[in-house]
PDB file of N, CA and C in Angstrom:
ATOM      1  N   MET A   1      -1.877  15.707  11.596  1.00  0.00           N
ATOM      2  CA  MET A   1      -0.554  15.636  11.016  1.00  0.00           C
ATOM      3  C   MET A   1      -0.398  16.666   9.904  1.00  0.00           C
ATOM      4  N   GLU A   2      -1.492  16.960   9.206  1.00  0.00           N
ATOM      5  CA  GLU A   2      -1.402  17.948   8.144  1.00  0.00           C
ATOM      6  C   GLU A   2      -1.018  19.316   8.691  1.00  0.00           C
ATOM      7  N   GLN A   3      -1.440  19.616   9.932  1.00  0.00           N
ATOM      8  CA  GLN A   3      -1.074  20.885  10.549  1.00  0.00           C
ATOM      9  C   GLN A   3       0.426  20.972  10.788  1.00  0.00           C
ATOM     10  N   SER A   4       1.095  19.830  10.862  1.00  0.00           N
ATOM     11  CA  SER A   4       2.545  19.783  11.043  1.00  0.00           C
ATOM     12  C   SER A   4       3.291  19.728   9.724  1.00  0.00           C
ATOM     13  N   GLY A   5       2.557  19.818   8.612  1.00  0.00           N
ATOM     14  CA  GLY A   5       3.200  19.832   7.306  1.00  0.00           C
ATOM     15  C   GLY A   5       3.279  18.496   6.601  1.00  0.00           C
ATOM     16  N   HIS A   6       2.635  17.477   7.151  1.00  0.00           N
ATOM     17  CA  HIS A   6       2.641  16.156   6.519  1.00  0.00           C
ATOM     18  C   HIS A   6       1.372  16.011   5.679  1.00  0.00           C
ATOM     19  N   LEU A   7       1.539  15.871   4.383  1.00  0.00           N
ATOM     20  CA  LEU A   7       0.392  15.726   3.489  1.00  0.00           C
ATOM     21  C   LEU A   7       0.328  14.301   2.974  1.00  0.00           C
ATOM     22  N   PHE A   8      -0.850  13.737   3.009  1.00  0.00           N
ATOM     23  CA  PHE A   8      -1.049  12.368   2.548  1.00  0.00           C
ATOM     24  C   PHE A   8      -1.804  12.381   1.240  1.00  0.00           C
ATOM     25  N   LYS A   9      -1.337  11.573   0.288  1.00  0.00           N
ATOM     26  CA  LYS A   9      -1.998  11.463  -1.007  1.00  0.00           C
ATOM     27  C   LYS A   9      -2.704  10.125  -1.159  1.00  0.00           C
ATOM     28  N   GLU A  10      -2.308   9.153  -0.333  1.00  0.00           N
ATOM     29  CA  GLU A  10      -2.870   7.811  -0.430  1.00  0.00           C
ATOM     30  C   GLU A  10      -2.574   7.046   0.849  1.00  0.00           C
ATOM     31  N   LEU A  11      -3.330   5.967   1.057  1.00  0.00           N
ATOM     32  CA  LEU A  11      -3.089   5.058   2.180  1.00  0.00           C
ATOM     33  C   LEU A  11      -2.669   3.709   1.609  1.00  0.00           C
ATOM     34  N   ALA A  12      -1.680   3.097   2.198  1.00  0.00           N
ATOM     35  CA  ALA A  12      -1.294   1.734   1.832  1.00  0.00           C
ATOM     36  C   ALA A  12      -1.680   0.840   3.003  1.00  0.00           C
ATOM     37  N   ILE A  13      -2.490  -0.166   2.733  1.00  0.00           N
ATOM     38  CA  ILE A  13      -2.981  -1.046   3.785  1.00  0.00           C
ATOM     39  C   ILE A  13      -2.617  -2.481   3.428  1.00  0.00           C
ATOM     40  N   CYS A  14      -2.105  -3.223   4.426  1.00  0.00           N
ATOM     41  CA  CYS A  14      -1.796  -4.632   4.207  1.00  0.00           C
ATOM     42  C   CYS A  14      -2.216  -5.415   5.439  1.00  0.00           C
ATOM     43  N   GLY A  15      -2.197  -6.715   5.316  1.00  0.00           N
ATOM     44  CA  GLY A  15      -2.571  -7.571   6.432  1.00  0.00           C
ATOM     45  C   GLY A  15      -3.909  -8.242   6.216  1.00  0.00           C
ATOM     46  N   GLY A  16      -4.348  -8.955   7.219  1.00  0.00           N
ATOM     47  CA  GLY A  16      -5.564  -9.760   7.117  1.00  0.00           C
ATOM     48  C   GLY A  16      -6.824  -8.976   6.816  1.00  0.00           C
ATOM     49  N   LEU A  17      -6.909  -7.753   7.325  1.00  0.00           N
ATOM     50  CA  LEU A  17      -8.134  -6.973   7.103  1.00  0.00           C
ATOM     51  C   LEU A  17      -8.298  -6.502   5.657  1.00  0.00           C
ATOM     52  N   THR A  18      -7.279  -6.676   4.835  1.00  0.00           N
ATOM     53  CA  THR A  18      -7.428  -6.297   3.421  1.00  0.00           C
ATOM     54  C   THR A  18      -8.406  -7.229   2.701  1.00  0.00           C
ATOM     55  N   LYS A  19      -8.773  -8.318   3.344  1.00  0.00           N
ATOM     56  CA  LYS A  19      -9.753  -9.229   2.745  1.00  0.00           C
ATOM     57  C   LYS A  19     -11.167  -8.667   2.844  1.00  0.00           C
ATOM     58  N   SER A  20     -11.344  -7.653   3.678  1.00  0.00           N
ATOM     59  CA  SER A  20     -12.661  -7.042   3.858  1.00  0.00           C
ATOM     60  C   SER A  20     -12.775  -5.780   2.996  1.00  0.00           C
ATOM     61  N   LYS A  21     -13.564  -5.871   1.933  1.00  0.00           N
ATOM     62  CA  LYS A  21     -13.781  -4.707   1.061  1.00  0.00           C
ATOM     63  C   LYS A  21     -14.454  -3.577   1.835  1.00  0.00           C
ATOM     64  N   LEU A  22     -15.322  -3.923   2.783  1.00  0.00           N
ATOM     65  CA  LEU A  22     -15.993  -2.897   3.588  1.00  0.00           C
ATOM     66  C   LEU A  22     -14.969  -2.122   4.422  1.00  0.00           C
ATOM     67  N   TYR A  23     -14.044  -2.817   5.043  1.00  0.00           N
ATOM     68  CA  TYR A  23     -12.983  -2.182   5.832  1.00  0.00           C
ATOM     69  C   TYR A  23     -12.181  -1.215   4.963  1.00  0.00           C
ATOM     70  N   LEU A  24     -11.779  -1.684   3.782  1.00  0.00           N
ATOM     71  CA  LEU A  24     -10.967  -0.857   2.888  1.00  0.00           C
ATOM     72  C   LEU A  24     -11.743   0.350   2.381  1.00  0.00           C
ATOM     73  N   GLN A  25     -12.987   0.132   1.964  1.00  0.00           N
ATOM     74  CA  GLN A  25     -13.790   1.230   1.434  1.00  0.00           C
ATOM     75  C   GLN A  25     -14.092   2.254   2.525  1.00  0.00           C
ATOM     76  N   THR A  26     -14.316   1.782   3.744  1.00  0.00           N
ATOM     77  CA  THR A  26     -14.565   2.697   4.858  1.00  0.00           C
ATOM     78  C   THR A  26     -13.353   3.602   5.094  1.00  0.00           C
ATOM     79  N   HIS A  27     -12.159   3.031   5.045  1.00  0.00           N
ATOM     80  CA  HIS A  27     -10.951   3.847   5.211  1.00  0.00           C
ATOM     81  C   HIS A  27     -10.818   4.868   4.083  1.00  0.00           C
ATOM     82  N   ALA A  28     -11.077   4.453   2.864  1.00  0.00           N
ATOM     83  CA  ALA A  28     -11.005   5.391   1.737  1.00  0.00           C
ATOM     84  C   ALA A  28     -11.997   6.529   1.938  1.00  0.00           C
ATOM     85  N   ASN A  29     -13.204   6.202   2.371  1.00  0.00           N
ATOM     86  CA  ASN A  29     -14.250   7.213   2.552  1.00  0.00           C
ATOM     87  C   ASN A  29     -13.942   8.148   3.723  1.00  0.00           C
ATOM     88  N   VAL A  30     -13.515   7.596   4.848  1.00  0.00           N
ATOM     89  CA  VAL A  30     -13.267   8.407   6.045  1.00  0.00           C
ATOM     90  C   VAL A  30     -12.090   9.362   5.820  1.00  0.00           C
ATOM     91  N   PHE A  31     -11.022   8.852   5.238  1.00  0.00           N
ATOM     92  CA  PHE A  31      -9.834   9.680   5.032  1.00  0.00           C
ATOM     93  C   PHE A  31      -9.884  10.472   3.721  1.00  0.00           C
ATOM     94  N   LYS A  32     -10.882  10.147   2.868  1.00  0.00           N
ATOM     95  CA  LYS A  32     -11.027  10.799   1.567  1.00  0.00           C
ATOM     96  C   LYS A  32      -9.740  10.687   0.746  1.00  0.00           C
ATOM     97  N   LEU A  33      -9.157   9.476   0.803  1.00  0.00           N
ATOM     98  CA  LEU A  33      -7.924   9.181   0.089  1.00  0.00           C
ATOM     99  C   LEU A  33      -8.048   7.829  -0.602  1.00  0.00           C
ATOM    100  N   PRO A  34      -7.334   7.649  -1.713  1.00  0.00           N
ATOM    101  CA  PRO A  34      -7.290   6.319  -2.313  1.00  0.00           C
ATOM    102  C   PRO A  34      -6.544   5.346  -1.398  1.00  0.00           C
ATOM    103  N   VAL A  35      -6.991   4.110  -1.376  1.00  0.00           N
ATOM    104  CA  VAL A  35      -6.364   3.057  -0.578  1.00  0.00           C
ATOM    105  C   VAL A  35      -5.685   2.081  -1.534  1.00  0.00           C
ATOM    106  N   ILE A  36      -4.403   1.856  -1.317  1.00  0.00           N
ATOM    107  CA  ILE A  36      -3.625   0.938  -2.149  1.00  0.00           C
ATOM    108  C   ILE A  36      -3.489  -0.385  -1.398  1.00  0.00           C
ATOM    109  N   VAL A  37      -3.827  -1.472  -2.077  1.00  0.00           N
ATOM    110  CA  VAL A  37      -3.800  -2.796  -1.462  1.00  0.00           C
ATOM    111  C   VAL A  37      -2.951  -3.725  -2.333  1.00  0.00           C
ATOM    112  N   PRO A  38      -1.898  -4.312  -1.776  1.00  0.00           N
ATOM    113  CA  PRO A  38      -1.097  -5.246  -2.559  1.00  0.00           C
ATOM    114  C   PRO A  38      -1.841  -6.557  -2.779  1.00  0.00           C
ATOM    115  N   GLU A  39      -1.597  -7.193  -3.921  1.00  0.00           N
ATOM    116  CA  GLU A  39      -2.194  -8.511  -4.171  1.00  0.00           C
ATOM    117  C   GLU A  39      -1.513  -9.590  -3.338  1.00  0.00           C
ATOM    118  N   CYS A  40      -0.303  -9.323  -2.913  1.00  0.00           N
ATOM    119  CA  CYS A  40       0.465 -10.285  -2.119  1.00  0.00           C
ATOM    120  C   CYS A  40      -0.264 -10.572  -0.810  1.00  0.00           C
ATOM    121  N   SER A  41      -0.422 -11.851  -0.488  1.00  0.00           N
ATOM    122  CA  SER A  41      -1.139 -12.207   0.740  1.00  0.00           C
ATOM    123  C   SER A  41      -0.284 -12.022   1.988  1.00  0.00           C
ATOM    124  N   GLU A  42       1.024 -11.944   1.839  1.00  0.00           N
ATOM    125  CA  GLU A  42       1.938 -11.772   2.970  1.00  0.00           C
ATOM    126  C   GLU A  42       2.927 -10.647   2.689  1.00  0.00           C
ATOM    127  N   PRO A  43       2.469  -9.391   2.666  1.00  0.00           N
ATOM    128  CA  PRO A  43       3.354  -8.286   2.300  1.00  0.00           C
ATOM    129  C   PRO A  43       4.495  -8.050   3.290  1.00  0.00           C
ATOM    130  N   VAL A  44       4.321  -8.406   4.557  1.00  0.00           N
ATOM    131  CA  VAL A  44       5.401  -8.233   5.524  1.00  0.00           C
ATOM    132  C   VAL A  44       6.550  -9.179   5.184  1.00  0.00           C
ATOM    133  N   LEU A  45       6.207 -10.412   4.859  1.00  0.00           N
ATOM    134  CA  LEU A  45       7.238 -11.373   4.460  1.00  0.00           C
ATOM    135  C   LEU A  45       7.895 -10.952   3.151  1.00  0.00           C
ATOM    136  N   LEU A  46       7.100 -10.411   2.240  1.00  0.00           N
ATOM    137  CA  LEU A  46       7.644  -9.931   0.980  1.00  0.00           C
ATOM    138  C   LEU A  46       8.639  -8.800   1.230  1.00  0.00           C
ATOM    139  N   GLY A  47       8.310  -7.909   2.144  1.00  0.00           N
ATOM    140  CA  GLY A  47       9.230  -6.819   2.478  1.00  0.00           C
ATOM    141  C   GLY A  47      10.555  -7.341   3.005  1.00  0.00           C
ATOM    142  N   ALA A  48      10.499  -8.381   3.823  1.00  0.00           N
ATOM    143  CA  ALA A  48      11.730  -8.987   4.337  1.00  0.00           C
ATOM    144  C   ALA A  48      12.535  -9.615   3.200  1.00  0.00           C
ATOM    145  N   ALA A  49      11.841 -10.250   2.268  1.00  0.00           N
ATOM    146  CA  ALA A  49      12.531 -10.867   1.134  1.00  0.00           C
ATOM    147  C   ALA A  49      13.175  -9.801   0.243  1.00  0.00           C
ATOM    148  N   ILE A  50      12.484  -8.694   0.032  1.00  0.00           N
ATOM    149  CA  ILE A  50      13.040  -7.601  -0.775  1.00  0.00           C
ATOM    150  C   ILE A  50      14.277  -7.032  -0.087  1.00  0.00           C
ATOM    151  N   SER A  51      14.191  -6.826   1.233  1.00  0.00           N
ATOM    152  CA  SER A  51      15.345  -6.308   1.981  1.00  0.00           C
ATOM    153  C   SER A  51      16.532  -7.260   1.870  1.00  0.00           C
ATOM    154  N   SER A  52      16.271  -8.556   1.942  1.00  0.00           N
ATOM    155  CA  SER A  52      17.339  -9.553   1.825  1.00  0.00           C
ATOM    156  C   SER A  52      17.962  -9.526   0.436  1.00  0.00           C
ATOM    157  N   ALA A  53      17.128  -9.431  -0.587  1.00  0.00           N
ATOM    158  CA  ALA A  53      17.632  -9.387  -1.959  1.00  0.00           C
ATOM    159  C   ALA A  53      18.505  -8.160  -2.178  1.00  0.00           C
ATOM    160  N   LEU A  54      18.102  -7.038  -1.621  1.00  0.00           N
ATOM    161  CA  LEU A  54      18.902  -5.816  -1.762  1.00  0.00           C
ATOM    162  C   LEU A  54      20.213  -5.908  -0.994  1.00  0.00           C
ATOM    163  N   ALA A  55      20.192  -6.603   0.140  1.00  0.00           N
ATOM    164  CA  ALA A  55      21.429  -6.775   0.913  1.00  0.00           C
ATOM    165  C   ALA A  55      22.421  -7.655   0.158  1.00  0.00           C
ATOM    166  N   LEU A  56      21.906  -8.633  -0.573  1.00  0.00           N
ATOM    167  CA  LEU A  56      22.776  -9.546  -1.314  1.00  0.00           C
ATOM    168  C   LEU A  56      23.265  -8.951  -2.622  1.00  0.00           C
ATOM    169  N   ALA A  57      22.426  -8.114  -3.234  1.00  0.00           N
ATOM    170  CA  ALA A  57      22.788  -7.537  -4.538  1.00  0.00           C
ATOM    171  C   ALA A  57      22.341  -6.075  -4.612  1.00  0.00           C
ATOM    172  N   PRO A  58      22.995  -5.197  -3.833  1.00  0.00           N
ATOM    173  CA  PRO A  58      22.559  -3.801  -3.789  1.00  0.00           C
ATOM    174  C   PRO A  58      22.697  -3.069  -5.121  1.00  0.00           C
ATOM    175  N   VAL A  59      23.516  -3.583  -6.021  1.00  0.00           N
ATOM    176  CA  VAL A  59      23.698  -2.907  -7.305  1.00  0.00           C
ATOM    177  C   VAL A  59      22.480  -3.067  -8.217  1.00  0.00           C
ATOM    178  N   SER A  60      21.575  -3.981  -7.863  1.00  0.00           N
ATOM    179  CA  SER A  60      20.387  -4.200  -8.700  1.00  0.00           C
ATOM    180  C   SER A  60      19.476  -2.982  -8.726  1.00  0.00           C
ATOM    181  N   GLY A  61      19.467  -2.222  -7.672  1.00  0.00           N
ATOM    182  CA  GLY A  61      18.589  -1.059  -7.592  1.00  0.00           C
ATOM    183  C   GLY A  61      17.300  -1.394  -6.875  1.00  0.00           C
ATOM    184  N   THR A  62      16.938  -0.548  -5.955  1.00  0.00           N
ATOM    185  CA  THR A  62      15.773  -0.789  -5.114  1.00  0.00           C
ATOM    186  C   THR A  62      14.495  -0.934  -5.923  1.00  0.00           C
ATOM    187  N   MET A  63      14.211   0.019  -6.784  1.00  0.00           N
ATOM    188  CA  MET A  63      12.955  -0.014  -7.533  1.00  0.00           C
ATOM    189  C   MET A  63      12.885  -1.226  -8.462  1.00  0.00           C
ATOM    190  N   LYS A  64      13.995  -1.615  -9.024  1.00  0.00           N
ATOM    191  CA  LYS A  64      14.009  -2.783  -9.906  1.00  0.00           C
ATOM    192  C   LYS A  64      13.654  -4.053  -9.123  1.00  0.00           C
ATOM    193  N   VAL A  65      14.278  -4.201  -7.954  1.00  0.00           N
ATOM    194  CA  VAL A  65      14.013  -5.381  -7.128  1.00  0.00           C
ATOM    195  C   VAL A  65      12.553  -5.395  -6.679  1.00  0.00           C
ATOM    196  N   ILE A  66      12.057  -4.252  -6.238  1.00  0.00           N
ATOM    197  CA  ILE A  66      10.665  -4.177  -5.785  1.00  0.00           C
ATOM    198  C   ILE A  66       9.718  -4.528  -6.922  1.00  0.00           C
ATOM    199  N   SER A  67       9.936  -3.961  -8.097  1.00  0.00           N
ATOM    200  CA  SER A  67       9.015  -4.220  -9.213  1.00  0.00           C
ATOM    201  C   SER A  67       9.060  -5.681  -9.653  1.00  0.00           C
ATOM    202  N   GLN A  68      10.223  -6.316  -9.541  1.00  0.00           N
ATOM    203  CA  GLN A  68      10.334  -7.719  -9.930  1.00  0.00           C
ATOM    204  C   GLN A  68       9.695  -8.657  -8.912  1.00  0.00           C
ATOM    205  N   MET A  69       9.721  -8.293  -7.645  1.00  0.00           N
ATOM    206  CA  MET A  69       9.251  -9.201  -6.603  1.00  0.00           C
ATOM    207  C   MET A  69       7.840  -8.919  -6.110  1.00  0.00           C
ATOM    208  N   ALA A  70       7.427  -7.675  -6.156  1.00  0.00           N
ATOM    209  CA  ALA A  70       6.195  -7.291  -5.469  1.00  0.00           C
ATOM    210  C   ALA A  70       4.923  -7.632  -6.215  1.00  0.00           C
ATOM    211  N   GLY A  71       4.950  -7.672  -7.502  1.00  0.00           N
ATOM    212  CA  GLY A  71       3.716  -7.947  -8.228  1.00  0.00           C
ATOM    213  C   GLY A  71       2.807  -6.734  -8.258  1.00  0.00           C
ATOM    214  N   LYS A  72       1.535  -6.997  -8.391  1.00  0.00           N
ATOM    215  CA  LYS A  72       0.574  -5.931  -8.568  1.00  0.00           C
ATOM    216  C   LYS A  72      -0.283  -5.739  -7.330  1.00  0.00           C
ATOM    217  N   GLY A  73      -1.133  -4.760  -7.412  1.00  0.00           N
ATOM    218  CA  GLY A  73      -2.083  -4.480  -6.366  1.00  0.00           C
ATOM    219  C   GLY A  73      -3.278  -3.776  -6.987  1.00  0.00           C
ATOM    220  N   TYR A  74      -4.124  -3.209  -6.156  1.00  0.00           N
ATOM    221  CA  TYR A  74      -5.262  -2.459  -6.680  1.00  0.00           C
ATOM    222  C   TYR A  74      -5.527  -1.251  -5.793  1.00  0.00           C
ATOM    223  N   VAL A  75      -6.313  -0.323  -6.317  1.00  0.00           N
ATOM    224  CA  VAL A  75      -6.613   0.918  -5.612  1.00  0.00           C
ATOM    225  C   VAL A  75      -8.118   1.043  -5.445  1.00  0.00           C
ATOM    226  N   LEU A  76      -8.546   1.375  -4.247  1.00  0.00           N
ATOM    227  CA  LEU A  76      -9.941   1.709  -3.979  1.00  0.00           C
ATOM    228  C   LEU A  76     -10.017   3.209  -3.747  1.00  0.00           C
ATOM    229  N   HIS A  77     -10.910   3.864  -4.467  1.00  0.00           N
ATOM    230  CA  HIS A  77     -11.077   5.311  -4.323  1.00  0.00           C
ATOM    231  C   HIS A  77     -12.270   5.607  -3.416  1.00  0.00           C
ATOM    232  N   PRO A  78     -12.246   6.757  -2.761  1.00  0.00           N
ATOM    233  CA  PRO A  78     -13.396   7.119  -1.911  1.00  0.00           C
ATOM    234  C   PRO A  78     -14.666   7.223  -2.748  1.00  0.00           C
ATOM    235  N   ASP A  79     -15.780   6.836  -2.162  1.00  0.00           N
ATOM    236  CA  ASP A  79     -17.069   7.016  -2.825  1.00  0.00           C
ATOM    237  C   ASP A  79     -17.323   8.498  -2.979  1.00  0.00           C
ATOM    238  N   SER A  80     -17.862   8.911  -4.112  1.00  0.00           N
ATOM    239  CA  SER A  80     -18.078  10.328  -4.355  1.00  0.00           C
ATOM    240  C   SER A  80     -19.095  10.909  -3.375  1.00  0.00           C
ATOM    241  N   GLU A  81     -20.087  10.134  -2.939  1.00  0.00           N
ATOM    242  CA  GLU A  81     -21.091  10.628  -1.997  1.00  0.00           C
ATOM    243  C   GLU A  81     -20.484  10.899  -0.627  1.00  0.00           C
ATOM    244  N   SER A  82     -19.483  10.132  -0.235  1.00  0.00           N
ATOM    245  CA  SER A  82     -18.882  10.328   1.098  1.00  0.00           C
ATOM    246  C   SER A  82     -17.922  11.495   1.114  1.00  0.00           C
ATOM    247  N   SER A  83     -17.545  11.997  -0.074  1.00  0.00           N
ATOM    248  CA  SER A  83     -16.568  13.076  -0.159  1.00  0.00           C
ATOM    249  C   SER A  83     -17.199  14.450   0.020  1.00  0.00           C
ATOM    250  N   ARG A  84     -18.509  14.504   0.170  1.00  0.00           N
ATOM    251  CA  ARG A  84     -19.170  15.797   0.276  1.00  0.00           C
ATOM    252  C   ARG A  84     -18.953  16.447   1.607  1.00  0.00           C
TER     253      ARG A  84
END
């Protein structure tokens, strides 16, 4: 994809496999990118709720609604040894 002009700075991963630190760290190492993982256990449902909130009150602003509803997450960085 990079050959087509698409540059990636990070990966966002959600779903059941986010419970596996090995899975997440492997992705960070293989792609040599930070992996962002939401703390929310059901991010797909959260996305639907955010979309609904924006449909009901679009004047609130997308980023404001997301920051109020989404909560926090964490980032896993590639291991320095795997980046060689």
